[in-house]
Amino acid sequence: DLYVLDEPTAFLDVEQRLMAAKAIRRIIEGSNSSAMIIDHDIIFIDYVSDRAMVFSGMPGVEGHASAPTELREAMNAFLGEVGITFRRDKETRRPRVNKPGSFLDREQKELGEYYYLKTE
């Protein structure tokens, strides 16, 4: 089976999104199914996904889709395009945006590691 979910956590607060992500992942894994989930919430996608596709282009004009790749690789590609870096919070393990120009932001950009460092 393949489930297609378009922004399943819209209008939910952060804690509700994480509960929904856990439930979705549990259902998909428990039924040995696959899901294609479209969402803009990086924390939600981080929790629920193993692989991702990056879409780029100009809305209403042209669009391009990458092949499905490992989540980290896809996130690095996307975040590299928008120039944002993430770290993983040590307590919650959730992705957090680095302050632009901070030491960690500069270090990760130099390494080409926009999502979070592999050692985290």
PDB file of N, CA and C in Angstrom:
ATOM      1  N   ASP A   1       0.831  -1.187   0.000  1.00  0.00           N
ATOM      2  CA  ASP A   1       0.000   0.000   0.000  1.00  0.00           C
ATOM      3  C   ASP A   1       0.874   1.248   0.000  1.00  0.00           C
ATOM      4  N   LEU A   2       0.355   2.306  -0.595  1.00  0.00           N
ATOM      5  CA  LEU A   2       1.010   3.614  -0.604  1.00  0.00           C
ATOM      6  C   LEU A   2       0.012   4.641  -0.100  1.00  0.00           C
ATOM      7  N   TYR A   3       0.407   5.373   0.920  1.00  0.00           N
ATOM      8  CA  TYR A   3      -0.420   6.446   1.455  1.00  0.00           C
ATOM      9  C   TYR A   3       0.177   7.772   1.007  1.00  0.00           C
ATOM     10  N   VAL A   4      -0.665   8.687   0.527  1.00  0.00           N
ATOM     11  CA  VAL A   4      -0.222  10.023   0.135  1.00  0.00           C
ATOM     12  C   VAL A   4      -0.876  11.008   1.099  1.00  0.00           C
ATOM     13  N   LEU A   5      -0.043  11.753   1.822  1.00  0.00           N
ATOM     14  CA  LEU A   5      -0.526  12.704   2.823  1.00  0.00           C
ATOM     15  C   LEU A   5      -0.007  14.093   2.483  1.00  0.00           C
ATOM     16  N   ASP A   6      -0.917  15.034   2.299  1.00  0.00           N
ATOM     17  CA  ASP A   6      -0.552  16.407   1.959  1.00  0.00           C
ATOM     18  C   ASP A   6      -0.724  17.283   3.195  1.00  0.00           C
ATOM     19  N   GLU A   7       0.379  17.691   3.768  1.00  0.00           N
ATOM     20  CA  GLU A   7       0.419  18.530   4.967  1.00  0.00           C
ATOM     21  C   GLU A   7      -0.514  18.009   6.065  1.00  0.00           C
ATOM     22  N   PRO A   8      -0.275  16.782   6.523  1.00  0.00           N
ATOM     23  CA  PRO A   8      -1.176  16.189   7.518  1.00  0.00           C
ATOM     24  C   PRO A   8      -1.165  16.881   8.876  1.00  0.00           C
ATOM     25  N   THR A   9      -0.184  17.734   9.126  1.00  0.00           N
ATOM     26  CA  THR A   9      -0.115  18.392  10.435  1.00  0.00           C
ATOM     27  C   THR A   9      -0.455  19.879  10.374  1.00  0.00           C
ATOM     28  N   ALA A  10      -1.036  20.313   9.261  1.00  0.00           N
ATOM     29  CA  ALA A  10      -1.424  21.727   9.157  1.00  0.00           C
ATOM     30  C   ALA A  10      -2.367  22.069  10.315  1.00  0.00           C
ATOM     31  N   PHE A  11      -2.171  23.216  10.895  1.00  0.00           N
ATOM     32  CA  PHE A  11      -2.996  23.755  11.976  1.00  0.00           C
ATOM     33  C   PHE A  11      -2.808  23.052  13.323  1.00  0.00           C
ATOM     34  N   LEU A  12      -1.796  22.192  13.430  1.00  0.00           N
ATOM     35  CA  LEU A  12      -1.499  21.562  14.716  1.00  0.00           C
ATOM     36  C   LEU A  12      -0.329  22.291  15.371  1.00  0.00           C
ATOM     37  N   ASP A  13      -0.305  22.304  16.706  1.00  0.00           N
ATOM     38  CA  ASP A  13       0.841  22.918  17.375  1.00  0.00           C
ATOM     39  C   ASP A  13       2.009  21.935  17.365  1.00  0.00           C
ATOM     40  N   VAL A  14       3.159  22.377  17.856  1.00  0.00           N
ATOM     41  CA  VAL A  14       4.391  21.595  17.749  1.00  0.00           C
ATOM     42  C   VAL A  14       4.266  20.224  18.418  1.00  0.00           C
ATOM     43  N   GLU A  15       3.701  20.165  19.595  1.00  0.00           N
ATOM     44  CA  GLU A  15       3.570  18.879  20.293  1.00  0.00           C
ATOM     45  C   GLU A  15       2.599  17.957  19.567  1.00  0.00           C
ATOM     46  N   GLN A  16       1.505  18.513  19.049  1.00  0.00           N
ATOM     47  CA  GLN A  16       0.550  17.701  18.292  1.00  0.00           C
ATOM     48  C   GLN A  16       1.180  17.178  17.002  1.00  0.00           C
ATOM     49  N   ARG A  17       2.044  17.979  16.387  1.00  0.00           N
ATOM     50  CA  ARG A  17       2.730  17.540  15.165  1.00  0.00           C
ATOM     51  C   ARG A  17       3.621  16.335  15.450  1.00  0.00           C
ATOM     52  N   LEU A  18       4.333  16.385  16.565  1.00  0.00           N
ATOM     53  CA  LEU A  18       5.204  15.262  16.915  1.00  0.00           C
ATOM     54  C   LEU A  18       4.402  14.010  17.246  1.00  0.00           C
ATOM     55  N   MET A  19       3.274  14.170  17.917  1.00  0.00           N
ATOM     56  CA  MET A  19       2.413  13.015  18.193  1.00  0.00           C
ATOM     57  C   MET A  19       1.878  12.436  16.882  1.00  0.00           C
ATOM     58  N   ALA A  20       1.483  13.308  15.958  1.00  0.00           N
ATOM     59  CA  ALA A  20       0.995  12.847  14.655  1.00  0.00           C
ATOM     60  C   ALA A  20       2.103  12.130  13.892  1.00  0.00           C
ATOM     61  N   ALA A  21       3.316  12.675  13.942  1.00  0.00           N
ATOM     62  CA  ALA A  21       4.447  12.050  13.249  1.00  0.00           C
ATOM     63  C   ALA A  21       4.701  10.651  13.794  1.00  0.00           C
ATOM     64  N   LYS A  22       4.676  10.512  15.112  1.00  0.00           N
ATOM     65  CA  LYS A  22       4.887   9.192  15.722  1.00  0.00           C
ATOM     66  C   LYS A  22       3.800   8.213  15.295  1.00  0.00           C
ATOM     67  N   ALA A  23       2.546   8.684  15.287  1.00  0.00           N
ATOM     68  CA  ALA A  23       1.431   7.816  14.895  1.00  0.00           C
ATOM     69  C   ALA A  23       1.543   7.409  13.429  1.00  0.00           C
ATOM     70  N   ILE A  24       1.848   8.362  12.557  1.00  0.00           N
ATOM     71  CA  ILE A  24       1.977   8.062  11.126  1.00  0.00           C
ATOM     72  C   ILE A  24       3.101   7.061  10.901  1.00  0.00           C
ATOM     73  N   ARG A  25       4.242   7.310  11.508  1.00  0.00           N
ATOM     74  CA  ARG A  25       5.380   6.401  11.330  1.00  0.00           C
ATOM     75  C   ARG A  25       5.045   4.997  11.844  1.00  0.00           C
ATOM     76  N   ARG A  26       4.402   4.917  13.000  1.00  0.00           N
ATOM     77  CA  ARG A  26       4.029   3.623  13.581  1.00  0.00           C
ATOM     78  C   ARG A  26       3.057   2.869  12.662  1.00  0.00           C
ATOM     79  N   ILE A  27       2.072   3.562  12.108  1.00  0.00           N
ATOM     80  CA  ILE A  27       1.095   2.930  11.215  1.00  0.00           C
ATOM     81  C   ILE A  27       1.760   2.448   9.936  1.00  0.00           C
ATOM     82  N   ILE A  28       2.600   3.291   9.337  1.00  0.00           N
ATOM     83  CA  ILE A  28       3.264   2.928   8.079  1.00  0.00           C
ATOM     84  C   ILE A  28       4.193   1.734   8.295  1.00  0.00           C
ATOM     85  N   GLU A  29       5.015   1.801   9.326  1.00  0.00           N
ATOM     86  CA  GLU A  29       5.941   0.693   9.590  1.00  0.00           C
ATOM     87  C   GLU A  29       5.194  -0.573  10.002  1.00  0.00           C
ATOM     88  N   GLY A  30       4.142  -0.421  10.803  1.00  0.00           N
ATOM     89  CA  GLY A  30       3.379  -1.573  11.278  1.00  0.00           C
ATOM     90  C   GLY A  30       2.619  -2.295  10.184  1.00  0.00           C
ATOM     91  N   SER A  31       2.254  -1.564   9.139  1.00  0.00           N
ATOM     92  CA  SER A  31       1.504  -2.178   8.037  1.00  0.00           C
ATOM     93  C   SER A  31       2.412  -2.540   6.868  1.00  0.00           C
ATOM     94  N   ASN A  32       3.716  -2.334   7.056  1.00  0.00           N
ATOM     95  CA  ASN A  32       4.696  -2.620   5.998  1.00  0.00           C
ATOM     96  C   ASN A  32       4.321  -1.904   4.700  1.00  0.00           C
ATOM     97  N   SER A  33       3.905  -0.647   4.836  1.00  0.00           N
ATOM     98  CA  SER A  33       3.483   0.169   3.701  1.00  0.00           C
ATOM     99  C   SER A  33       4.489   1.283   3.461  1.00  0.00           C
ATOM    100  N   SER A  34       4.203   2.084   2.461  1.00  0.00           N
ATOM    101  CA  SER A  34       5.011   3.270   2.165  1.00  0.00           C
ATOM    102  C   SER A  34       4.104   4.487   2.188  1.00  0.00           C
ATOM    103  N   ALA A  35       4.719   5.652   2.363  1.00  0.00           N
ATOM    104  CA  ALA A  35       3.952   6.895   2.353  1.00  0.00           C
ATOM    105  C   ALA A  35       4.730   7.970   1.618  1.00  0.00           C
ATOM    106  N   MET A  36       4.002   8.803   0.909  1.00  0.00           N
ATOM    107  CA  MET A  36       4.571  10.010   0.322  1.00  0.00           C
ATOM    108  C   MET A  36       3.917  11.156   1.088  1.00  0.00           C
ATOM    109  N   ILE A  37       4.738  11.893   1.827  1.00  0.00           N
ATOM    110  CA  ILE A  37       4.225  12.950   2.686  1.00  0.00           C
ATOM    111  C   ILE A  37       4.759  14.285   2.203  1.00  0.00           C
ATOM    112  N   ILE A  38       3.848  15.201   1.931  1.00  0.00           N
ATOM    113  CA  ILE A  38       4.210  16.544   1.494  1.00  0.00           C
ATOM    114  C   ILE A  38       4.019  17.459   2.697  1.00  0.00           C
ATOM    115  N   ASP A  39       5.087  18.141   3.102  1.00  0.00           N
ATOM    116  CA  ASP A  39       4.993  19.026   4.257  1.00  0.00           C
ATOM    117  C   ASP A  39       6.137  20.027   4.225  1.00  0.00           C
ATOM    118  N   HIS A  40       5.944  21.155   4.914  1.00  0.00           N
ATOM    119  CA  HIS A  40       6.963  22.202   4.989  1.00  0.00           C
ATOM    120  C   HIS A  40       7.625  22.259   6.358  1.00  0.00           C
ATOM    121  N   ASP A  41       7.193  21.414   7.272  1.00  0.00           N
ATOM    122  CA  ASP A  41       7.693  21.422   8.641  1.00  0.00           C
ATOM    123  C   ASP A  41       8.909  20.498   8.740  1.00  0.00           C
ATOM    124  N   ILE A  42      10.082  21.087   8.878  1.00  0.00           N
ATOM    125  CA  ILE A  42      11.320  20.308   8.883  1.00  0.00           C
ATOM    126  C   ILE A  42      11.387  19.371  10.086  1.00  0.00           C
ATOM    127  N   ILE A  43      10.904  19.791  11.240  1.00  0.00           N
ATOM    128  CA  ILE A  43      10.920  18.916  12.413  1.00  0.00           C
ATOM    129  C   ILE A  43      10.044  17.689  12.166  1.00  0.00           C
ATOM    130  N   PHE A  44       8.865  17.903  11.605  1.00  0.00           N
ATOM    131  CA  PHE A  44       7.956  16.794  11.293  1.00  0.00           C
ATOM    132  C   PHE A  44       8.591  15.848  10.280  1.00  0.00           C
ATOM    133  N   ILE A  45       9.130  16.407   9.203  1.00  0.00           N
ATOM    134  CA  ILE A  45       9.757  15.585   8.157  1.00  0.00           C
ATOM    135  C   ILE A  45      10.948  14.820   8.733  1.00  0.00           C
ATOM    136  N   ASP A  46      11.720  15.466   9.595  1.00  0.00           N
ATOM    137  CA  ASP A  46      12.869  14.810  10.218  1.00  0.00           C
ATOM    138  C   ASP A  46      12.432  13.564  10.986  1.00  0.00           C
ATOM    139  N   TYR A  47      11.327  13.647  11.671  1.00  0.00           N
ATOM    140  CA  TYR A  47      10.884  12.522  12.483  1.00  0.00           C
ATOM    141  C   TYR A  47      10.248  11.408  11.656  1.00  0.00           C
ATOM    142  N   VAL A  48       9.451  11.771  10.663  1.00  0.00           N
ATOM    143  CA  VAL A  48       8.625  10.779   9.973  1.00  0.00           C
ATOM    144  C   VAL A  48       9.303  10.150   8.750  1.00  0.00           C
ATOM    145  N   SER A  49      10.382  10.747   8.250  1.00  0.00           N
ATOM    146  CA  SER A  49      10.941  10.325   6.960  1.00  0.00           C
ATOM    147  C   SER A  49      12.284   9.618   7.059  1.00  0.00           C
ATOM    148  N   ASP A  50      12.495   8.709   6.122  1.00  0.00           N
ATOM    149  CA  ASP A  50      13.795   8.075   5.922  1.00  0.00           C
ATOM    150  C   ASP A  50      14.454   8.615   4.662  1.00  0.00           C
ATOM    151  N   ARG A  51      13.617   8.971   3.698  1.00  0.00           N
ATOM    152  CA  ARG A  51      14.092   9.476   2.410  1.00  0.00           C
ATOM    153  C   ARG A  51      13.257  10.701   2.051  1.00  0.00           C
ATOM    154  N   ALA A  52      13.790  11.540   1.144  1.00  0.00           N
ATOM    155  CA  ALA A  52      13.064  12.744   0.752  1.00  0.00           C
ATOM    156  C   ALA A  52      13.408  13.129  -0.679  1.00  0.00           C
ATOM    157  N   MET A  53      12.546  13.949  -1.242  1.00  0.00           N
ATOM    158  CA  MET A  53      12.768  14.535  -2.567  1.00  0.00           C
ATOM    159  C   MET A  53      12.780  16.048  -2.394  1.00  0.00           C
ATOM    160  N   VAL A  54      13.620  16.725  -3.163  1.00  0.00           N
ATOM    161  CA  VAL A  54      13.683  18.182  -3.114  1.00  0.00           C
ATOM    162  C   VAL A  54      13.091  18.723  -4.406  1.00  0.00           C
ATOM    163  N   PHE A  55      12.155  19.644  -4.266  1.00  0.00           N
ATOM    164  CA  PHE A  55      11.533  20.283  -5.416  1.00  0.00           C
ATOM    165  C   PHE A  55      12.059  21.706  -5.527  1.00  0.00           C
ATOM    166  N   SER A  56      12.364  22.120  -6.741  1.00  0.00           N
ATOM    167  CA  SER A  56      12.857  23.477  -6.962  1.00  0.00           C
ATOM    168  C   SER A  56      12.240  24.020  -8.243  1.00  0.00           C
ATOM    169  N   GLY A  57      12.448  25.297  -8.485  1.00  0.00           N
ATOM    170  CA  GLY A  57      11.916  25.924  -9.686  1.00  0.00           C
ATOM    171  C   GLY A  57      11.171  27.194  -9.352  1.00  0.00           C
ATOM    172  N   MET A  58      10.330  27.610 -10.283  1.00  0.00           N
ATOM    173  CA  MET A  58       9.541  28.822 -10.109  1.00  0.00           C
ATOM    174  C   MET A  58       8.067  28.432 -10.116  1.00  0.00           C
ATOM    175  N   PRO A  59       7.336  28.733  -9.028  1.00  0.00           N
ATOM    176  CA  PRO A  59       5.928  28.348  -8.953  1.00  0.00           C
ATOM    177  C   PRO A  59       5.127  28.832 -10.166  1.00  0.00           C
ATOM    178  N   GLY A  60       4.370  27.928 -10.749  1.00  0.00           N
ATOM    179  CA  GLY A  60       3.529  28.257 -11.895  1.00  0.00           C
ATOM    180  C   GLY A  60       4.274  28.377 -13.208  1.00  0.00           C
ATOM    181  N   VAL A  61       5.613  28.252 -13.183  1.00  0.00           N
ATOM    182  CA  VAL A  61       6.412  28.409 -14.401  1.00  0.00           C
ATOM    183  C   VAL A  61       7.125  27.107 -14.748  1.00  0.00           C
ATOM    184  N   GLU A  62       7.964  26.633 -13.841  1.00  0.00           N
ATOM    185  CA  GLU A  62       8.693  25.389 -14.072  1.00  0.00           C
ATOM    186  C   GLU A  62       9.045  24.758 -12.736  1.00  0.00           C
ATOM    187  N   GLY A  63       9.226  23.461 -12.754  1.00  0.00           N
ATOM    188  CA  GLY A  63       9.580  22.765 -11.533  1.00  0.00           C
ATOM    189  C   GLY A  63      10.482  21.586 -11.811  1.00  0.00           C
ATOM    190  N   HIS A  64      11.278  21.253 -10.828  1.00  0.00           N
ATOM    191  CA  HIS A  64      12.206  20.135 -10.927  1.00  0.00           C
ATOM    192  C   HIS A  64      12.119  19.335  -9.631  1.00  0.00           C
ATOM    193  N   ALA A  65      12.200  18.025  -9.748  1.00  0.00           N
ATOM    194  CA  ALA A  65      12.178  17.152  -8.574  1.00  0.00           C
ATOM    195  C   ALA A  65      13.424  16.288  -8.578  1.00  0.00           C
ATOM    196  N   SER A  66      14.051  16.181  -7.423  1.00  0.00           N
ATOM    197  CA  SER A  66      15.200  15.278  -7.301  1.00  0.00           C
ATOM    198  C   SER A  66      14.681  13.850  -7.159  1.00  0.00           C
ATOM    199  N   ALA A  67      15.548  12.907  -7.359  1.00  0.00           N
ATOM    200  CA  ALA A  67      15.201  11.512  -7.085  1.00  0.00           C
ATOM    201  C   ALA A  67      15.105  11.338  -5.573  1.00  0.00           C
ATOM    202  N   PRO A  68      14.333  10.379  -5.095  1.00  0.00           N
ATOM    203  CA  PRO A  68      14.313  10.129  -3.650  1.00  0.00           C
ATOM    204  C   PRO A  68      15.717   9.752  -3.164  1.00  0.00           C
ATOM    205  N   THR A  69      16.175  10.439  -2.119  1.00  0.00           N
ATOM    206  CA  THR A  69      17.499  10.173  -1.554  1.00  0.00           C
ATOM    207  C   THR A  69      17.378  10.085  -0.036  1.00  0.00           C
ATOM    208  N   GLU A  70      18.448   9.657   0.598  1.00  0.00           N
ATOM    209  CA  GLU A  70      18.457   9.611   2.059  1.00  0.00           C
ATOM    210  C   GLU A  70      18.084  10.996   2.588  1.00  0.00           C
ATOM    211  N   LEU A  71      17.361  11.023   3.689  1.00  0.00           N
ATOM    212  CA  LEU A  71      16.849  12.272   4.248  1.00  0.00           C
ATOM    213  C   LEU A  71      17.947  13.309   4.434  1.00  0.00           C
ATOM    214  N   ARG A  72      19.057  12.912   5.014  1.00  0.00           N
ATOM    215  CA  ARG A  72      20.150  13.855   5.284  1.00  0.00           C
ATOM    216  C   ARG A  72      20.677  14.493   4.007  1.00  0.00           C
ATOM    217  N   GLU A  73      20.847  13.691   2.967  1.00  0.00           N
ATOM    218  CA  GLU A  73      21.341  14.193   1.684  1.00  0.00           C
ATOM    219  C   GLU A  73      20.343  15.176   1.066  1.00  0.00           C
ATOM    220  N   ALA A  74      19.059  14.844   1.100  1.00  0.00           N
ATOM    221  CA  ALA A  74      18.027  15.730   0.549  1.00  0.00           C
ATOM    222  C   ALA A  74      17.958  17.041   1.332  1.00  0.00           C
ATOM    223  N   MET A  75      18.013  16.953   2.660  1.00  0.00           N
ATOM    224  CA  MET A  75      17.956  18.163   3.479  1.00  0.00           C
ATOM    225  C   MET A  75      19.179  19.038   3.250  1.00  0.00           C
ATOM    226  N   ASN A  76      20.355  18.435   3.116  1.00  0.00           N
ATOM    227  CA  ASN A  76      21.559  19.215   2.824  1.00  0.00           C
ATOM    228  C   ASN A  76      21.405  19.956   1.506  1.00  0.00           C
ATOM    229  N   ALA A  77      20.844  19.299   0.493  1.00  0.00           N
ATOM    230  CA  ALA A  77      20.648  19.942  -0.810  1.00  0.00           C
ATOM    231  C   ALA A  77      19.688  21.120  -0.686  1.00  0.00           C
ATOM    232  N   PHE A  78      18.554  20.906  -0.021  1.00  0.00           N
ATOM    233  CA  PHE A  78      17.562  21.973   0.130  1.00  0.00           C
ATOM    234  C   PHE A  78      18.106  23.135   0.953  1.00  0.00           C
ATOM    235  N   LEU A  79      18.660  22.829   2.120  1.00  0.00           N
ATOM    236  CA  LEU A  79      19.150  23.892   2.997  1.00  0.00           C
ATOM    237  C   LEU A  79      20.330  24.633   2.386  1.00  0.00           C
ATOM    238  N   GLY A  80      21.136  23.939   1.590  1.00  0.00           N
ATOM    239  CA  GLY A  80      22.226  24.601   0.882  1.00  0.00           C
ATOM    240  C   GLY A  80      21.705  25.634  -0.104  1.00  0.00           C
ATOM    241  N   GLU A  81      20.579  25.320  -0.761  1.00  0.00           N
ATOM    242  CA  GLU A  81      19.969  26.265  -1.707  1.00  0.00           C
ATOM    243  C   GLU A  81      19.460  27.513  -1.007  1.00  0.00           C
ATOM    244  N   VAL A  82      18.909  27.360   0.200  1.00  0.00           N
ATOM    245  CA  VAL A  82      18.344  28.507   0.909  1.00  0.00           C
ATOM    246  C   VAL A  82      19.318  29.137   1.901  1.00  0.00           C
ATOM    247  N   GLY A  83      20.495  28.505   2.103  1.00  0.00           N
ATOM    248  CA  GLY A  83      21.542  29.094   2.939  1.00  0.00           C
ATOM    249  C   GLY A  83      21.274  29.054   4.430  1.00  0.00           C
ATOM    250  N   ILE A  84      20.561  28.022   4.890  1.00  0.00           N
ATOM    251  CA  ILE A  84      20.238  27.885   6.312  1.00  0.00           C
ATOM    252  C   ILE A  84      20.899  26.619   6.843  1.00  0.00           C
ATOM    253  N   THR A  85      21.410  26.682   8.076  1.00  0.00           N
ATOM    254  CA  THR A  85      21.982  25.481   8.694  1.00  0.00           C
ATOM    255  C   THR A  85      21.171  25.087   9.927  1.00  0.00           C
ATOM    256  N   PHE A  86      21.187  23.799  10.212  1.00  0.00           N
ATOM    257  CA  PHE A  86      20.490  23.246  11.374  1.00  0.00           C
ATOM    258  C   PHE A  86      21.471  22.470  12.234  1.00  0.00           C
ATOM    259  N   ARG A  87      21.194  22.441  13.511  1.00  0.00           N
ATOM    260  CA  ARG A  87      21.901  21.575  14.445  1.00  0.00           C
ATOM    261  C   ARG A  87      20.840  20.688  15.093  1.00  0.00           C
ATOM    262  N   ARG A  88      21.265  19.646  15.775  1.00  0.00           N
ATOM    263  CA  ARG A  88      20.318  18.798  16.499  1.00  0.00           C
ATOM    264  C   ARG A  88      20.421  19.157  17.978  1.00  0.00           C
ATOM    265  N   ASP A  89      19.296  19.542  18.580  1.00  0.00           N
ATOM    266  CA  ASP A  89      19.258  19.898  19.990  1.00  0.00           C
ATOM    267  C   ASP A  89      19.700  18.705  20.836  1.00  0.00           C
ATOM    268  N   LYS A  90      20.617  18.940  21.761  1.00  0.00           N
ATOM    269  CA  LYS A  90      21.184  17.844  22.560  1.00  0.00           C
ATOM    270  C   LYS A  90      20.163  17.194  23.491  1.00  0.00           C
ATOM    271  N   GLU A  91      19.194  17.963  23.970  1.00  0.00           N
ATOM    272  CA  GLU A  91      18.204  17.411  24.902  1.00  0.00           C
ATOM    273  C   GLU A  91      17.027  16.763  24.191  1.00  0.00           C
ATOM    274  N   THR A  92      16.424  17.470  23.236  1.00  0.00           N
ATOM    275  CA  THR A  92      15.210  16.969  22.581  1.00  0.00           C
ATOM    276  C   THR A  92      15.505  16.168  21.323  1.00  0.00           C
ATOM    277  N   ARG A  93      16.716  16.294  20.778  1.00  0.00           N
ATOM    278  CA  ARG A  93      17.131  15.653  19.518  1.00  0.00           C
ATOM    279  C   ARG A  93      16.395  16.227  18.308  1.00  0.00           C
ATOM    280  N   ARG A  94      15.679  17.336  18.488  1.00  0.00           N
ATOM    281  CA  ARG A  94      14.958  17.959  17.383  1.00  0.00           C
ATOM    282  C   ARG A  94      15.889  18.882  16.611  1.00  0.00           C
ATOM    283  N   PRO A  95      15.658  19.043  15.301  1.00  0.00           N
ATOM    284  CA  PRO A  95      16.452  19.999  14.526  1.00  0.00           C
ATOM    285  C   PRO A  95      16.161  21.429  14.991  1.00  0.00           C
ATOM    286  N   ARG A  96      17.200  22.244  15.059  1.00  0.00           N
ATOM    287  CA  ARG A  96      17.071  23.659  15.424  1.00  0.00           C
ATOM    288  C   ARG A  96      17.863  24.489  14.425  1.00  0.00           C
ATOM    289  N   VAL A  97      17.316  25.632  14.049  1.00  0.00           N
ATOM    290  CA  VAL A  97      17.991  26.528  13.110  1.00  0.00           C
ATOM    291  C   VAL A  97      19.157  27.199  13.823  1.00  0.00           C
ATOM    292  N   ASN A  98      20.316  27.227  13.171  1.00  0.00           N
ATOM    293  CA  ASN A  98      21.464  27.956  13.706  1.00  0.00           C
ATOM    294  C   ASN A  98      21.287  29.442  13.445  1.00  0.00           C
ATOM    295  N   LYS A  99      21.774  30.256  14.348  1.00  0.00           N
ATOM    296  CA  LYS A  99      21.747  31.703  14.159  1.00  0.00           C
ATOM    297  C   LYS A  99      22.653  32.040  12.979  1.00  0.00           C
ATOM    298  N   PRO A 100      22.135  32.809  11.993  1.00  0.00           N
ATOM    299  CA  PRO A 100      22.972  33.174  10.835  1.00  0.00           C
ATOM    300  C   PRO A 100      24.260  33.870  11.283  1.00  0.00           C
ATOM    301  N   GLY A 101      25.384  33.415  10.754  1.00  0.00           N
ATOM    302  CA  GLY A 101      26.674  34.006  11.076  1.00  0.00           C
ATOM    303  C   GLY A 101      27.308  33.478  12.347  1.00  0.00           C
ATOM    304  N   SER A 102      26.607  32.607  13.074  1.00  0.00           N
ATOM    305  CA  SER A 102      27.178  32.047  14.304  1.00  0.00           C
ATOM    306  C   SER A 102      28.348  31.131  13.950  1.00  0.00           C
ATOM    307  N   PHE A 103      29.134  30.780  14.957  1.00  0.00           N
ATOM    308  CA  PHE A 103      30.278  29.898  14.728  1.00  0.00           C
ATOM    309  C   PHE A 103      29.836  28.596  14.071  1.00  0.00           C
ATOM    310  N   LEU A 104      28.783  27.973  14.612  1.00  0.00           N
ATOM    311  CA  LEU A 104      28.311  26.693  14.073  1.00  0.00           C
ATOM    312  C   LEU A 104      27.760  26.856  12.657  1.00  0.00           C
ATOM    313  N   ASP A 105      27.053  27.948  12.395  1.00  0.00           N
ATOM    314  CA  ASP A 105      26.536  28.224  11.049  1.00  0.00           C
ATOM    315  C   ASP A 105      27.690  28.322  10.052  1.00  0.00           C
ATOM    316  N   ARG A 106      28.715  29.087  10.398  1.00  0.00           N
ATOM    317  CA  ARG A 106      29.870  29.246   9.497  1.00  0.00           C
ATOM    318  C   ARG A 106      30.613  27.929   9.309  1.00  0.00           C
ATOM    319  N   GLU A 107      30.814  27.196  10.414  1.00  0.00           N
ATOM    320  CA  GLU A 107      31.528  25.922  10.347  1.00  0.00           C
ATOM    321  C   GLU A 107      30.787  24.923   9.450  1.00  0.00           C
ATOM    322  N   GLN A 108      29.485  24.797   9.632  1.00  0.00           N
ATOM    323  CA  GLN A 108      28.711  23.843   8.842  1.00  0.00           C
ATOM    324  C   GLN A 108      28.694  24.227   7.365  1.00  0.00           C
ATOM    325  N   LYS A 109      28.592  25.519   7.077  1.00  0.00           N
ATOM    326  CA  LYS A 109      28.610  25.956   5.676  1.00  0.00           C
ATOM    327  C   LYS A 109      29.949  25.635   5.028  1.00  0.00           C
ATOM    328  N   GLU A 110      31.041  25.837   5.764  1.00  0.00           N
ATOM    329  CA  GLU A 110      32.370  25.501   5.228  1.00  0.00           C
ATOM    330  C   GLU A 110      32.486  24.013   4.921  1.00  0.00           C
ATOM    331  N   LEU A 111      31.856  23.183   5.750  1.00  0.00           N
ATOM    332  CA  LEU A 111      31.903  21.731   5.565  1.00  0.00           C
ATOM    333  C   LEU A 111      30.862  21.225   4.567  1.00  0.00           C
ATOM    334  N   GLY A 112      29.927  22.106   4.169  1.00  0.00           N
ATOM    335  CA  GLY A 112      28.839  21.680   3.292  1.00  0.00           C
ATOM    336  C   GLY A 112      27.830  20.803   4.015  1.00  0.00           C
ATOM    337  N   GLU A 113      27.774  20.932   5.334  1.00  0.00           N
ATOM    338  CA  GLU A 113      26.864  20.145   6.179  1.00  0.00           C
ATOM    339  C   GLU A 113      25.780  21.077   6.713  1.00  0.00           C
ATOM    340  N   TYR A 114      24.743  21.289   5.932  1.00  0.00           N
ATOM    341  CA  TYR A 114      23.706  22.248   6.301  1.00  0.00           C
ATOM    342  C   TYR A 114      22.674  21.674   7.270  1.00  0.00           C
ATOM    343  N   TYR A 115      22.438  20.382   7.211  1.00  0.00           N
ATOM    344  CA  TYR A 115      21.365  19.786   8.013  1.00  0.00           C
ATOM    345  C   TYR A 115      21.766  19.667   9.473  1.00  0.00           C
ATOM    346  N   TYR A 116      22.761  18.929   9.783  1.00  0.00           N
ATOM    347  CA  TYR A 116      23.380  18.851  11.103  1.00  0.00           C
ATOM    348  C   TYR A 116      24.633  18.022  10.923  1.00  0.00           C
ATOM    349  N   LEU A 117      25.569  18.172  11.821  1.00  0.00           N
ATOM    350  CA  LEU A 117      26.824  17.441  11.695  1.00  0.00           C
ATOM    351  C   LEU A 117      26.600  15.961  11.973  1.00  0.00           C
ATOM    352  N   LYS A 118      27.278  15.107  11.245  1.00  0.00           N
ATOM    353  CA  LYS A 118      27.106  13.658  11.416  1.00  0.00           C
ATOM    354  C   LYS A 118      27.414  13.203  12.833  1.00  0.00           C
ATOM    355  N   THR A 119      28.274  13.920  13.522  1.00  0.00           N
ATOM    356  CA  THR A 119      28.679  13.518  14.873  1.00  0.00           C
ATOM    357  C   THR A 119      27.633  13.852  15.925  1.00  0.00           C
ATOM    358  N   GLU A 120      26.594  14.597  15.568  1.00  0.00           N
ATOM    359  CA  GLU A 120      25.581  14.994  16.563  1.00  0.00           C
ATOM    360  C   GLU A 120      24.646  13.853  16.880  1.00  0.00           C
TER     361      GLU A 120
END
